[in-house]
Amino acid sequence: MNARRAIVTIAFCLHAAMQAWGAGQHTAQGILLQVDNAKGLITVSCDAIPGYMEAMEMPFQVRETALLKTLVPGSTVRFTMVDRDHKEYAEHLEMIQVTNHESEPIEAGRLTYLQRLLNPAAAATIVPVGQLVPDFALTDQAQHLTHLADFRGKVVALTFTYSRCPNPNYCFRLSNNLSVLARRFHKVAGRDLILVTIVIDPGVDQGKALERYADTWKADPATWHFLTGKLPDVRSAAELFGMDFWNDEGFLIHTFHTVVIDREGRLAANLEGNQFTAEQLGDLVETVMRRPYQGARTTTANAGTAPAPGNASHP
């Protein structure tokens, strides 16, 4: 009898311990902001976990430190959040591809796949995260020729659009993300942060039409540049970031890309799709703005080495 009672007691304790362990674990997902290999840490702008926490930026310890070298800031990551010894750990960590099941993103994905099968060399033009972005020049809504290199020393958040895009979850959403950035960082916009929207329908969106479209977003031309130019020049700029678009009976089928370029002109992140939030994009931009500016010390020779996180002033 005593042996049976002991077995029941042990089983009860094990069950209680497993429940307590489970209560400290949650499946989490978010945008990877920063990787600190030396400390074995990642920082993630996490999605909300219903019944547990609101969306927020959090650091996590990672035990599988070899995995850190494969992580790319701006990627979507999924992991098990474990609360242990008053520390938050990220376990079973993986980068994932968030799929948009609407018809246009699926069609754009198919066209991109076919295009790269037919022209494998096109992939070589895509700038990897951590590398310098080649300069390009397009004309903004104030009719000023604008070079990407003009913004060296500032962080650039850049996306793509066209004014006739009919789906509010596509171009409108990506442009609205930049509008949210303009409000969140209004104290440093134009000084530390530049917003760029490349307009991919230059046959329609040019001159006064481009100016009117920028006005719909109440865009300050000193802060937010709507850029366009000759179609081959627009396409060349888009290809740097793996952004593709095709004309389909007057409308454009296109992929979704939002990129962040650091003060040295390196690609800090390339967010694909439209499944991230404006707040997550803002957390990423703020993380990049905290990095110290290396200035004249940055050269093409060391462009592949990402700058270490720092404590530079930020909003």
Protein backbone atom coordinates (compact mmCIF):
# COMPACT_ATOMS: atom_id res chain seq x y z
CA MET A 1 0.00 0.00 0.00
CA ASN A 2 2.80 2.37 0.93
CA ALA A 3 4.59 1.51 -2.31
CA ARG A 4 1.43 2.25 -4.30
CA ARG A 5 0.99 5.56 -2.52
CA ALA A 6 4.60 6.45 -3.23
CA ILE A 7 4.14 5.69 -6.92
CA VAL A 8 1.01 7.82 -7.07
CA THR A 9 2.79 10.66 -5.27
CA ILE A 10 5.76 10.51 -7.67
CA ALA A 11 3.45 10.46 -10.67
CA PHE A 12 1.55 13.46 -9.34
CA CYS A 13 4.77 15.40 -8.77
CA LEU A 14 6.03 14.56 -12.25
CA HIS A 15 2.73 15.66 -13.77
CA ALA A 16 2.82 18.92 -11.80
CA ALA A 17 6.44 19.53 -12.81
CA MET A 18 5.64 18.92 -16.48
CA GLN A 19 2.71 21.33 -16.30
CA ALA A 20 4.91 23.97 -14.66
CA TRP A 21 7.57 23.40 -17.33
CA GLY A 22 4.97 23.69 -20.08
CA ALA A 23 3.59 26.88 -18.58
CA GLY A 24 7.02 28.47 -19.05
CA GLN A 25 7.16 27.64 -22.77
CA HIS A 26 5.44 29.43 -25.62
CA THR A 27 5.75 29.26 -29.39
CA ALA A 28 6.92 32.70 -30.54
CA GLN A 29 7.50 34.39 -33.87
CA GLY A 30 8.83 37.76 -34.94
CA ILE A 31 11.30 39.82 -36.94
CA LEU A 32 14.97 39.27 -36.07
CA LEU A 33 16.52 42.63 -35.21
CA GLN A 34 20.04 41.84 -34.06
CA VAL A 35 22.47 38.98 -33.45
CA ASP A 36 25.22 39.18 -30.82
CA ASN A 37 27.50 36.21 -31.46
CA ALA A 38 29.85 37.05 -28.58
CA LYS A 39 27.08 36.97 -25.96
CA GLY A 40 24.94 34.31 -27.62
CA LEU A 41 22.01 36.71 -27.81
CA ILE A 42 19.37 37.61 -30.35
CA THR A 43 16.90 40.48 -30.24
CA VAL A 44 13.48 39.90 -31.77
CA SER A 45 10.48 42.14 -32.37
CA CYS A 46 7.95 39.52 -31.32
CA ASP A 47 4.36 39.08 -32.41
CA ALA A 48 1.79 39.12 -29.62
CA ILE A 49 1.13 35.80 -27.88
CA PRO A 50 -2.58 35.76 -27.00
CA GLY A 51 -3.17 35.41 -23.27
CA TYR A 52 0.52 35.79 -22.47
CA MET A 53 2.10 38.99 -23.79
CA GLU A 54 1.63 41.92 -26.14
CA ALA A 55 3.84 42.43 -29.20
CA MET A 56 7.22 43.68 -28.01
CA GLU A 57 10.95 43.78 -28.60
CA MET A 58 12.84 41.24 -26.47
CA PRO A 59 16.36 39.78 -26.11
CA PHE A 60 16.80 36.00 -25.90
CA GLN A 61 19.70 33.77 -24.92
CA VAL A 62 20.49 31.07 -27.51
CA ARG A 63 22.22 27.88 -26.42
CA GLU A 64 22.90 26.65 -29.98
CA THR A 65 25.44 29.40 -30.66
CA ALA A 66 26.63 27.86 -33.96
CA LEU A 67 23.18 28.65 -35.32
CA LEU A 68 23.71 32.38 -34.78
CA LYS A 69 26.08 32.63 -37.75
CA THR A 70 23.31 31.54 -40.12
CA LEU A 71 20.75 34.13 -38.97
CA VAL A 72 20.01 37.21 -41.08
CA PRO A 73 18.53 40.38 -39.51
CA GLY A 74 15.15 41.23 -40.99
CA SER A 75 14.22 37.55 -41.33
CA THR A 76 11.14 36.09 -39.73
CA VAL A 77 12.10 33.63 -37.00
CA ARG A 78 10.06 31.09 -35.08
CA PHE A 79 11.18 29.52 -31.82
CA THR A 80 10.14 28.16 -28.45
CA MET A 81 10.31 30.86 -25.80
CA VAL A 82 11.48 29.29 -22.54
CA ASP A 83 11.46 31.12 -19.22
CA ARG A 84 14.14 29.50 -17.10
CA ASP A 85 16.06 30.82 -14.10
CA HIS A 86 14.62 34.29 -14.70
CA LYS A 87 16.05 34.35 -18.23
CA GLU A 88 14.32 34.12 -21.58
CA TYR A 89 15.76 31.50 -23.95
CA ALA A 90 15.01 30.89 -27.64
CA GLU A 91 15.07 27.18 -28.37
CA HIS A 92 14.29 25.25 -31.59
CA LEU A 93 15.09 28.48 -33.41
CA GLU A 94 14.58 28.63 -37.19
CA MET A 95 14.21 31.21 -39.95
CA ILE A 96 10.94 30.76 -41.81
CA GLN A 97 9.42 31.99 -45.05
CA VAL A 98 6.05 33.59 -44.30
CA THR A 99 3.72 32.79 -47.19
CA ASN A 100 1.03 35.14 -48.46
CA HIS A 101 -1.73 33.00 -49.98
CA GLU A 102 -3.38 35.80 -51.95
CA SER A 103 -3.37 35.36 -55.73
CA GLU A 104 -0.98 38.19 -56.71
CA PRO A 105 1.92 37.28 -54.37
CA ILE A 106 1.60 33.64 -55.47
CA GLU A 107 1.65 34.65 -59.15
CA ALA A 108 4.59 37.00 -58.54
CA GLY A 109 6.47 34.17 -56.87
CA ARG A 110 5.90 31.89 -59.83
CA LEU A 111 7.02 34.54 -62.31
CA THR A 112 10.14 35.26 -60.26
CA TYR A 113 10.97 31.55 -60.16
CA LEU A 114 10.56 31.22 -63.92
CA GLN A 115 12.54 34.39 -64.59
CA ARG A 116 15.48 33.15 -62.54
CA LEU A 117 15.38 29.78 -64.23
CA LEU A 118 15.64 31.51 -67.60
CA ASN A 119 18.22 34.02 -66.41
CA PRO A 120 20.27 32.57 -63.51
CA ALA A 121 22.71 35.52 -63.68
CA ALA A 122 19.97 37.86 -62.42
CA ALA A 123 20.34 36.48 -58.90
CA ALA A 124 23.95 37.71 -58.84
CA THR A 125 22.74 41.33 -58.92
CA ILE A 126 20.86 40.98 -55.62
CA VAL A 127 22.77 42.65 -52.79
CA PRO A 128 23.33 40.33 -49.79
CA VAL A 129 22.72 41.64 -46.29
CA GLY A 130 25.93 43.23 -44.99
CA GLN A 131 27.19 44.35 -48.41
CA LEU A 132 27.37 47.88 -49.81
CA VAL A 133 24.42 48.82 -51.99
CA PRO A 134 25.59 50.19 -55.37
CA ASP A 135 24.64 53.79 -56.03
CA PHE A 136 21.75 54.58 -58.35
CA ALA A 137 20.04 57.83 -59.38
CA LEU A 138 16.33 58.54 -59.90
CA THR A 139 14.19 61.70 -59.85
CA ASP A 140 12.07 62.61 -56.81
CA GLN A 141 8.67 64.31 -56.51
CA ALA A 142 10.35 67.75 -56.48
CA GLN A 143 12.04 66.93 -59.82
CA HIS A 144 15.47 66.63 -58.20
CA LEU A 145 17.90 64.01 -59.41
CA THR A 146 18.57 61.96 -56.30
CA HIS A 147 21.43 59.52 -55.72
CA LEU A 148 21.27 56.83 -53.05
CA ALA A 149 24.80 57.92 -52.10
CA ASP A 150 23.37 61.33 -51.12
CA PHE A 151 22.05 59.67 -47.96
CA ARG A 152 25.35 58.28 -46.71
CA GLY A 153 25.55 58.85 -42.95
CA LYS A 154 21.79 58.31 -42.55
CA VAL A 155 19.68 55.18 -42.25
CA VAL A 156 17.41 54.60 -45.26
CA ALA A 157 14.10 52.72 -45.18
CA LEU A 158 13.03 51.94 -48.74
CA THR A 159 10.08 50.22 -50.38
CA PHE A 160 8.26 50.08 -53.74
CA THR A 161 4.82 51.14 -54.96
CA TYR A 162 2.66 52.35 -57.81
CA SER A 163 -0.28 54.70 -57.44
CA ARG A 164 -2.90 52.55 -59.20
CA CYS A 165 -2.30 49.43 -57.09
CA PRO A 166 -5.86 48.23 -56.32
CA ASN A 167 -5.22 46.09 -53.24
CA PRO A 168 -4.87 47.96 -49.90
CA ASN A 169 -2.73 45.15 -48.49
CA TYR A 170 -0.07 45.62 -51.15
CA CYS A 171 1.42 49.00 -52.11
CA PHE A 172 -0.78 50.97 -49.73
CA ARG A 173 0.27 48.86 -46.77
CA LEU A 174 3.97 49.10 -47.56
CA SER A 175 3.75 52.87 -48.06
CA ASN A 176 1.72 53.21 -44.87
CA ASN A 177 4.54 51.45 -43.02
CA LEU A 178 6.85 54.30 -44.05
CA SER A 179 4.21 56.82 -43.01
CA VAL A 180 4.19 55.24 -39.54
CA LEU A 181 8.00 55.53 -39.48
CA ALA A 182 7.74 59.22 -40.38
CA ARG A 183 5.54 59.79 -37.33
CA ARG A 184 7.49 57.54 -34.96
CA PHE A 185 10.84 59.12 -35.81
CA HIS A 186 9.70 62.64 -36.64
CA LYS A 187 12.35 64.20 -34.39
CA VAL A 188 15.21 62.70 -36.41
CA ALA A 189 13.57 62.28 -39.84
CA GLY A 190 15.73 63.93 -42.49
CA ARG A 191 18.70 64.06 -40.12
CA ASP A 192 19.20 60.41 -39.10
CA LEU A 193 16.51 58.70 -41.16
CA ILE A 194 15.48 58.99 -44.80
CA LEU A 195 12.41 57.34 -46.32
CA VAL A 196 12.43 56.27 -49.97
CA THR A 197 9.62 54.91 -52.11
CA ILE A 198 10.62 53.75 -55.58
CA VAL A 199 7.65 54.10 -57.93
CA ILE A 200 7.60 51.24 -60.43
CA ASP A 201 5.09 52.65 -62.97
CA PRO A 202 6.98 55.62 -64.50
CA GLY A 203 4.67 55.75 -67.53
CA VAL A 204 1.91 57.02 -65.21
CA ASP A 205 3.58 58.13 -61.96
CA GLN A 206 5.85 60.96 -63.02
CA GLY A 207 5.98 64.76 -62.90
CA LYS A 208 2.89 66.34 -61.30
CA ALA A 209 1.27 62.92 -60.90
CA LEU A 210 4.18 61.80 -58.72
CA GLU A 211 3.99 65.04 -56.74
CA ARG A 212 0.26 64.53 -56.13
CA TYR A 213 0.82 60.95 -55.06
CA ALA A 214 3.48 62.03 -52.55
CA ASP A 215 1.06 64.68 -51.26
CA THR A 216 -1.52 62.00 -50.45
CA TRP A 217 0.96 60.77 -47.83
CA LYS A 218 1.75 64.32 -46.64
CA ALA A 219 5.36 63.48 -47.44
CA ASP A 220 8.00 66.06 -46.58
CA PRO A 221 10.31 66.03 -49.65
CA ALA A 222 13.30 66.61 -47.37
CA THR A 223 12.49 63.39 -45.50
CA TRP A 224 10.50 61.12 -47.78
CA HIS A 225 11.59 60.79 -51.41
CA PHE A 226 9.30 59.27 -54.04
CA LEU A 227 11.67 58.26 -56.81
CA THR A 228 11.12 57.28 -60.42
CA GLY A 229 12.86 57.51 -63.79
CA LYS A 230 13.16 55.66 -67.06
CA LEU A 231 11.81 52.14 -66.78
CA PRO A 232 15.22 50.41 -67.25
CA ASP A 233 16.69 52.58 -64.45
CA VAL A 234 13.78 51.79 -62.13
CA ARG A 235 14.08 48.10 -62.91
CA SER A 236 17.85 48.14 -62.30
CA ALA A 237 17.35 49.71 -58.87
CA ALA A 238 14.62 47.19 -58.01
CA GLU A 239 16.78 44.25 -59.06
CA LEU A 240 19.38 45.18 -56.45
CA PHE A 241 16.91 44.04 -53.81
CA GLY A 242 15.37 41.08 -55.66
CA MET A 243 12.20 43.07 -56.37
CA ASP A 244 10.46 42.01 -59.61
CA PHE A 245 7.44 43.44 -61.43
CA TRP A 246 5.51 42.71 -64.62
CA ASN A 247 2.81 44.58 -66.56
CA ASP A 248 -0.50 42.72 -66.71
CA GLU A 249 -3.12 44.55 -68.80
CA GLY A 250 -2.32 47.93 -67.30
CA PHE A 251 -1.76 46.76 -63.73
CA LEU A 252 1.46 45.49 -62.25
CA ILE A 253 2.15 42.13 -60.68
CA HIS A 254 5.05 42.56 -58.29
CA THR A 255 6.90 41.10 -55.35
CA PHE A 256 7.00 42.90 -52.00
CA HIS A 257 10.27 44.15 -50.56
CA THR A 258 11.08 46.66 -47.84
CA VAL A 259 14.76 47.28 -47.18
CA VAL A 260 16.81 49.04 -44.54
CA ILE A 261 20.23 50.47 -45.45
CA ASP A 262 22.65 51.50 -42.72
CA ARG A 263 24.66 54.73 -42.43
CA GLU A 264 27.63 53.20 -44.28
CA GLY A 265 25.44 52.29 -47.22
CA ARG A 266 25.30 48.58 -46.40
CA LEU A 267 22.14 46.55 -46.72
CA ALA A 268 21.03 45.97 -43.12
CA ALA A 269 17.86 44.00 -43.92
CA ASN A 270 15.63 42.99 -46.81
CA LEU A 271 12.11 42.14 -45.63
CA GLU A 272 10.08 40.16 -48.13
CA GLY A 273 6.30 40.13 -48.18
CA ASN A 274 3.81 42.19 -46.21
CA GLN A 275 3.25 40.06 -43.12
CA PHE A 276 5.34 42.15 -40.72
CA THR A 277 3.90 45.16 -38.88
CA ALA A 278 4.89 48.82 -39.10
CA GLU A 279 5.95 48.58 -35.45
CA GLN A 280 8.32 45.70 -36.24
CA LEU A 281 9.80 47.65 -39.13
CA GLY A 282 10.23 50.59 -36.76
CA ASP A 283 12.00 48.39 -34.21
CA LEU A 284 14.36 47.22 -36.95
CA VAL A 285 15.06 50.77 -38.13
CA GLU A 286 15.73 51.90 -34.57
CA THR A 287 18.16 49.01 -34.04
CA VAL A 288 20.09 50.01 -37.17
CA MET A 289 20.11 53.68 -36.12
CA ARG A 290 21.82 52.70 -32.85
CA ARG A 291 24.85 51.38 -34.70
CA PRO A 292 27.87 53.67 -34.61
CA TYR A 293 28.71 55.37 -37.90
CA GLN A 294 32.12 54.27 -39.16
CA GLY A 295 32.16 57.05 -41.76
CA ALA A 296 35.28 57.34 -43.86
CA ARG A 297 36.66 54.10 -42.43
CA THR A 298 34.10 52.10 -44.43
CA THR A 299 35.54 50.84 -47.70
CA THR A 300 34.53 48.34 -50.33
CA ALA A 301 37.21 46.02 -48.98
CA ASN A 302 35.49 45.64 -45.60
CA ALA A 303 31.93 45.97 -46.85
CA GLY A 304 31.14 42.35 -46.11
CA THR A 305 31.69 42.82 -42.38
CA ALA A 306 28.62 44.11 -40.59
CA PRO A 307 29.26 46.82 -37.98
CA ALA A 308 29.01 45.84 -34.35
CA PRO A 309 26.00 47.07 -32.37
CA GLY A 310 26.72 50.24 -30.45
CA ASN A 311 25.15 52.81 -28.17
CA ALA A 312 24.83 55.75 -30.52
CA SER A 313 22.02 58.18 -29.71
CA HIS A 314 18.57 57.31 -31.04
CA PRO A 315 15.06 58.65 -30.65
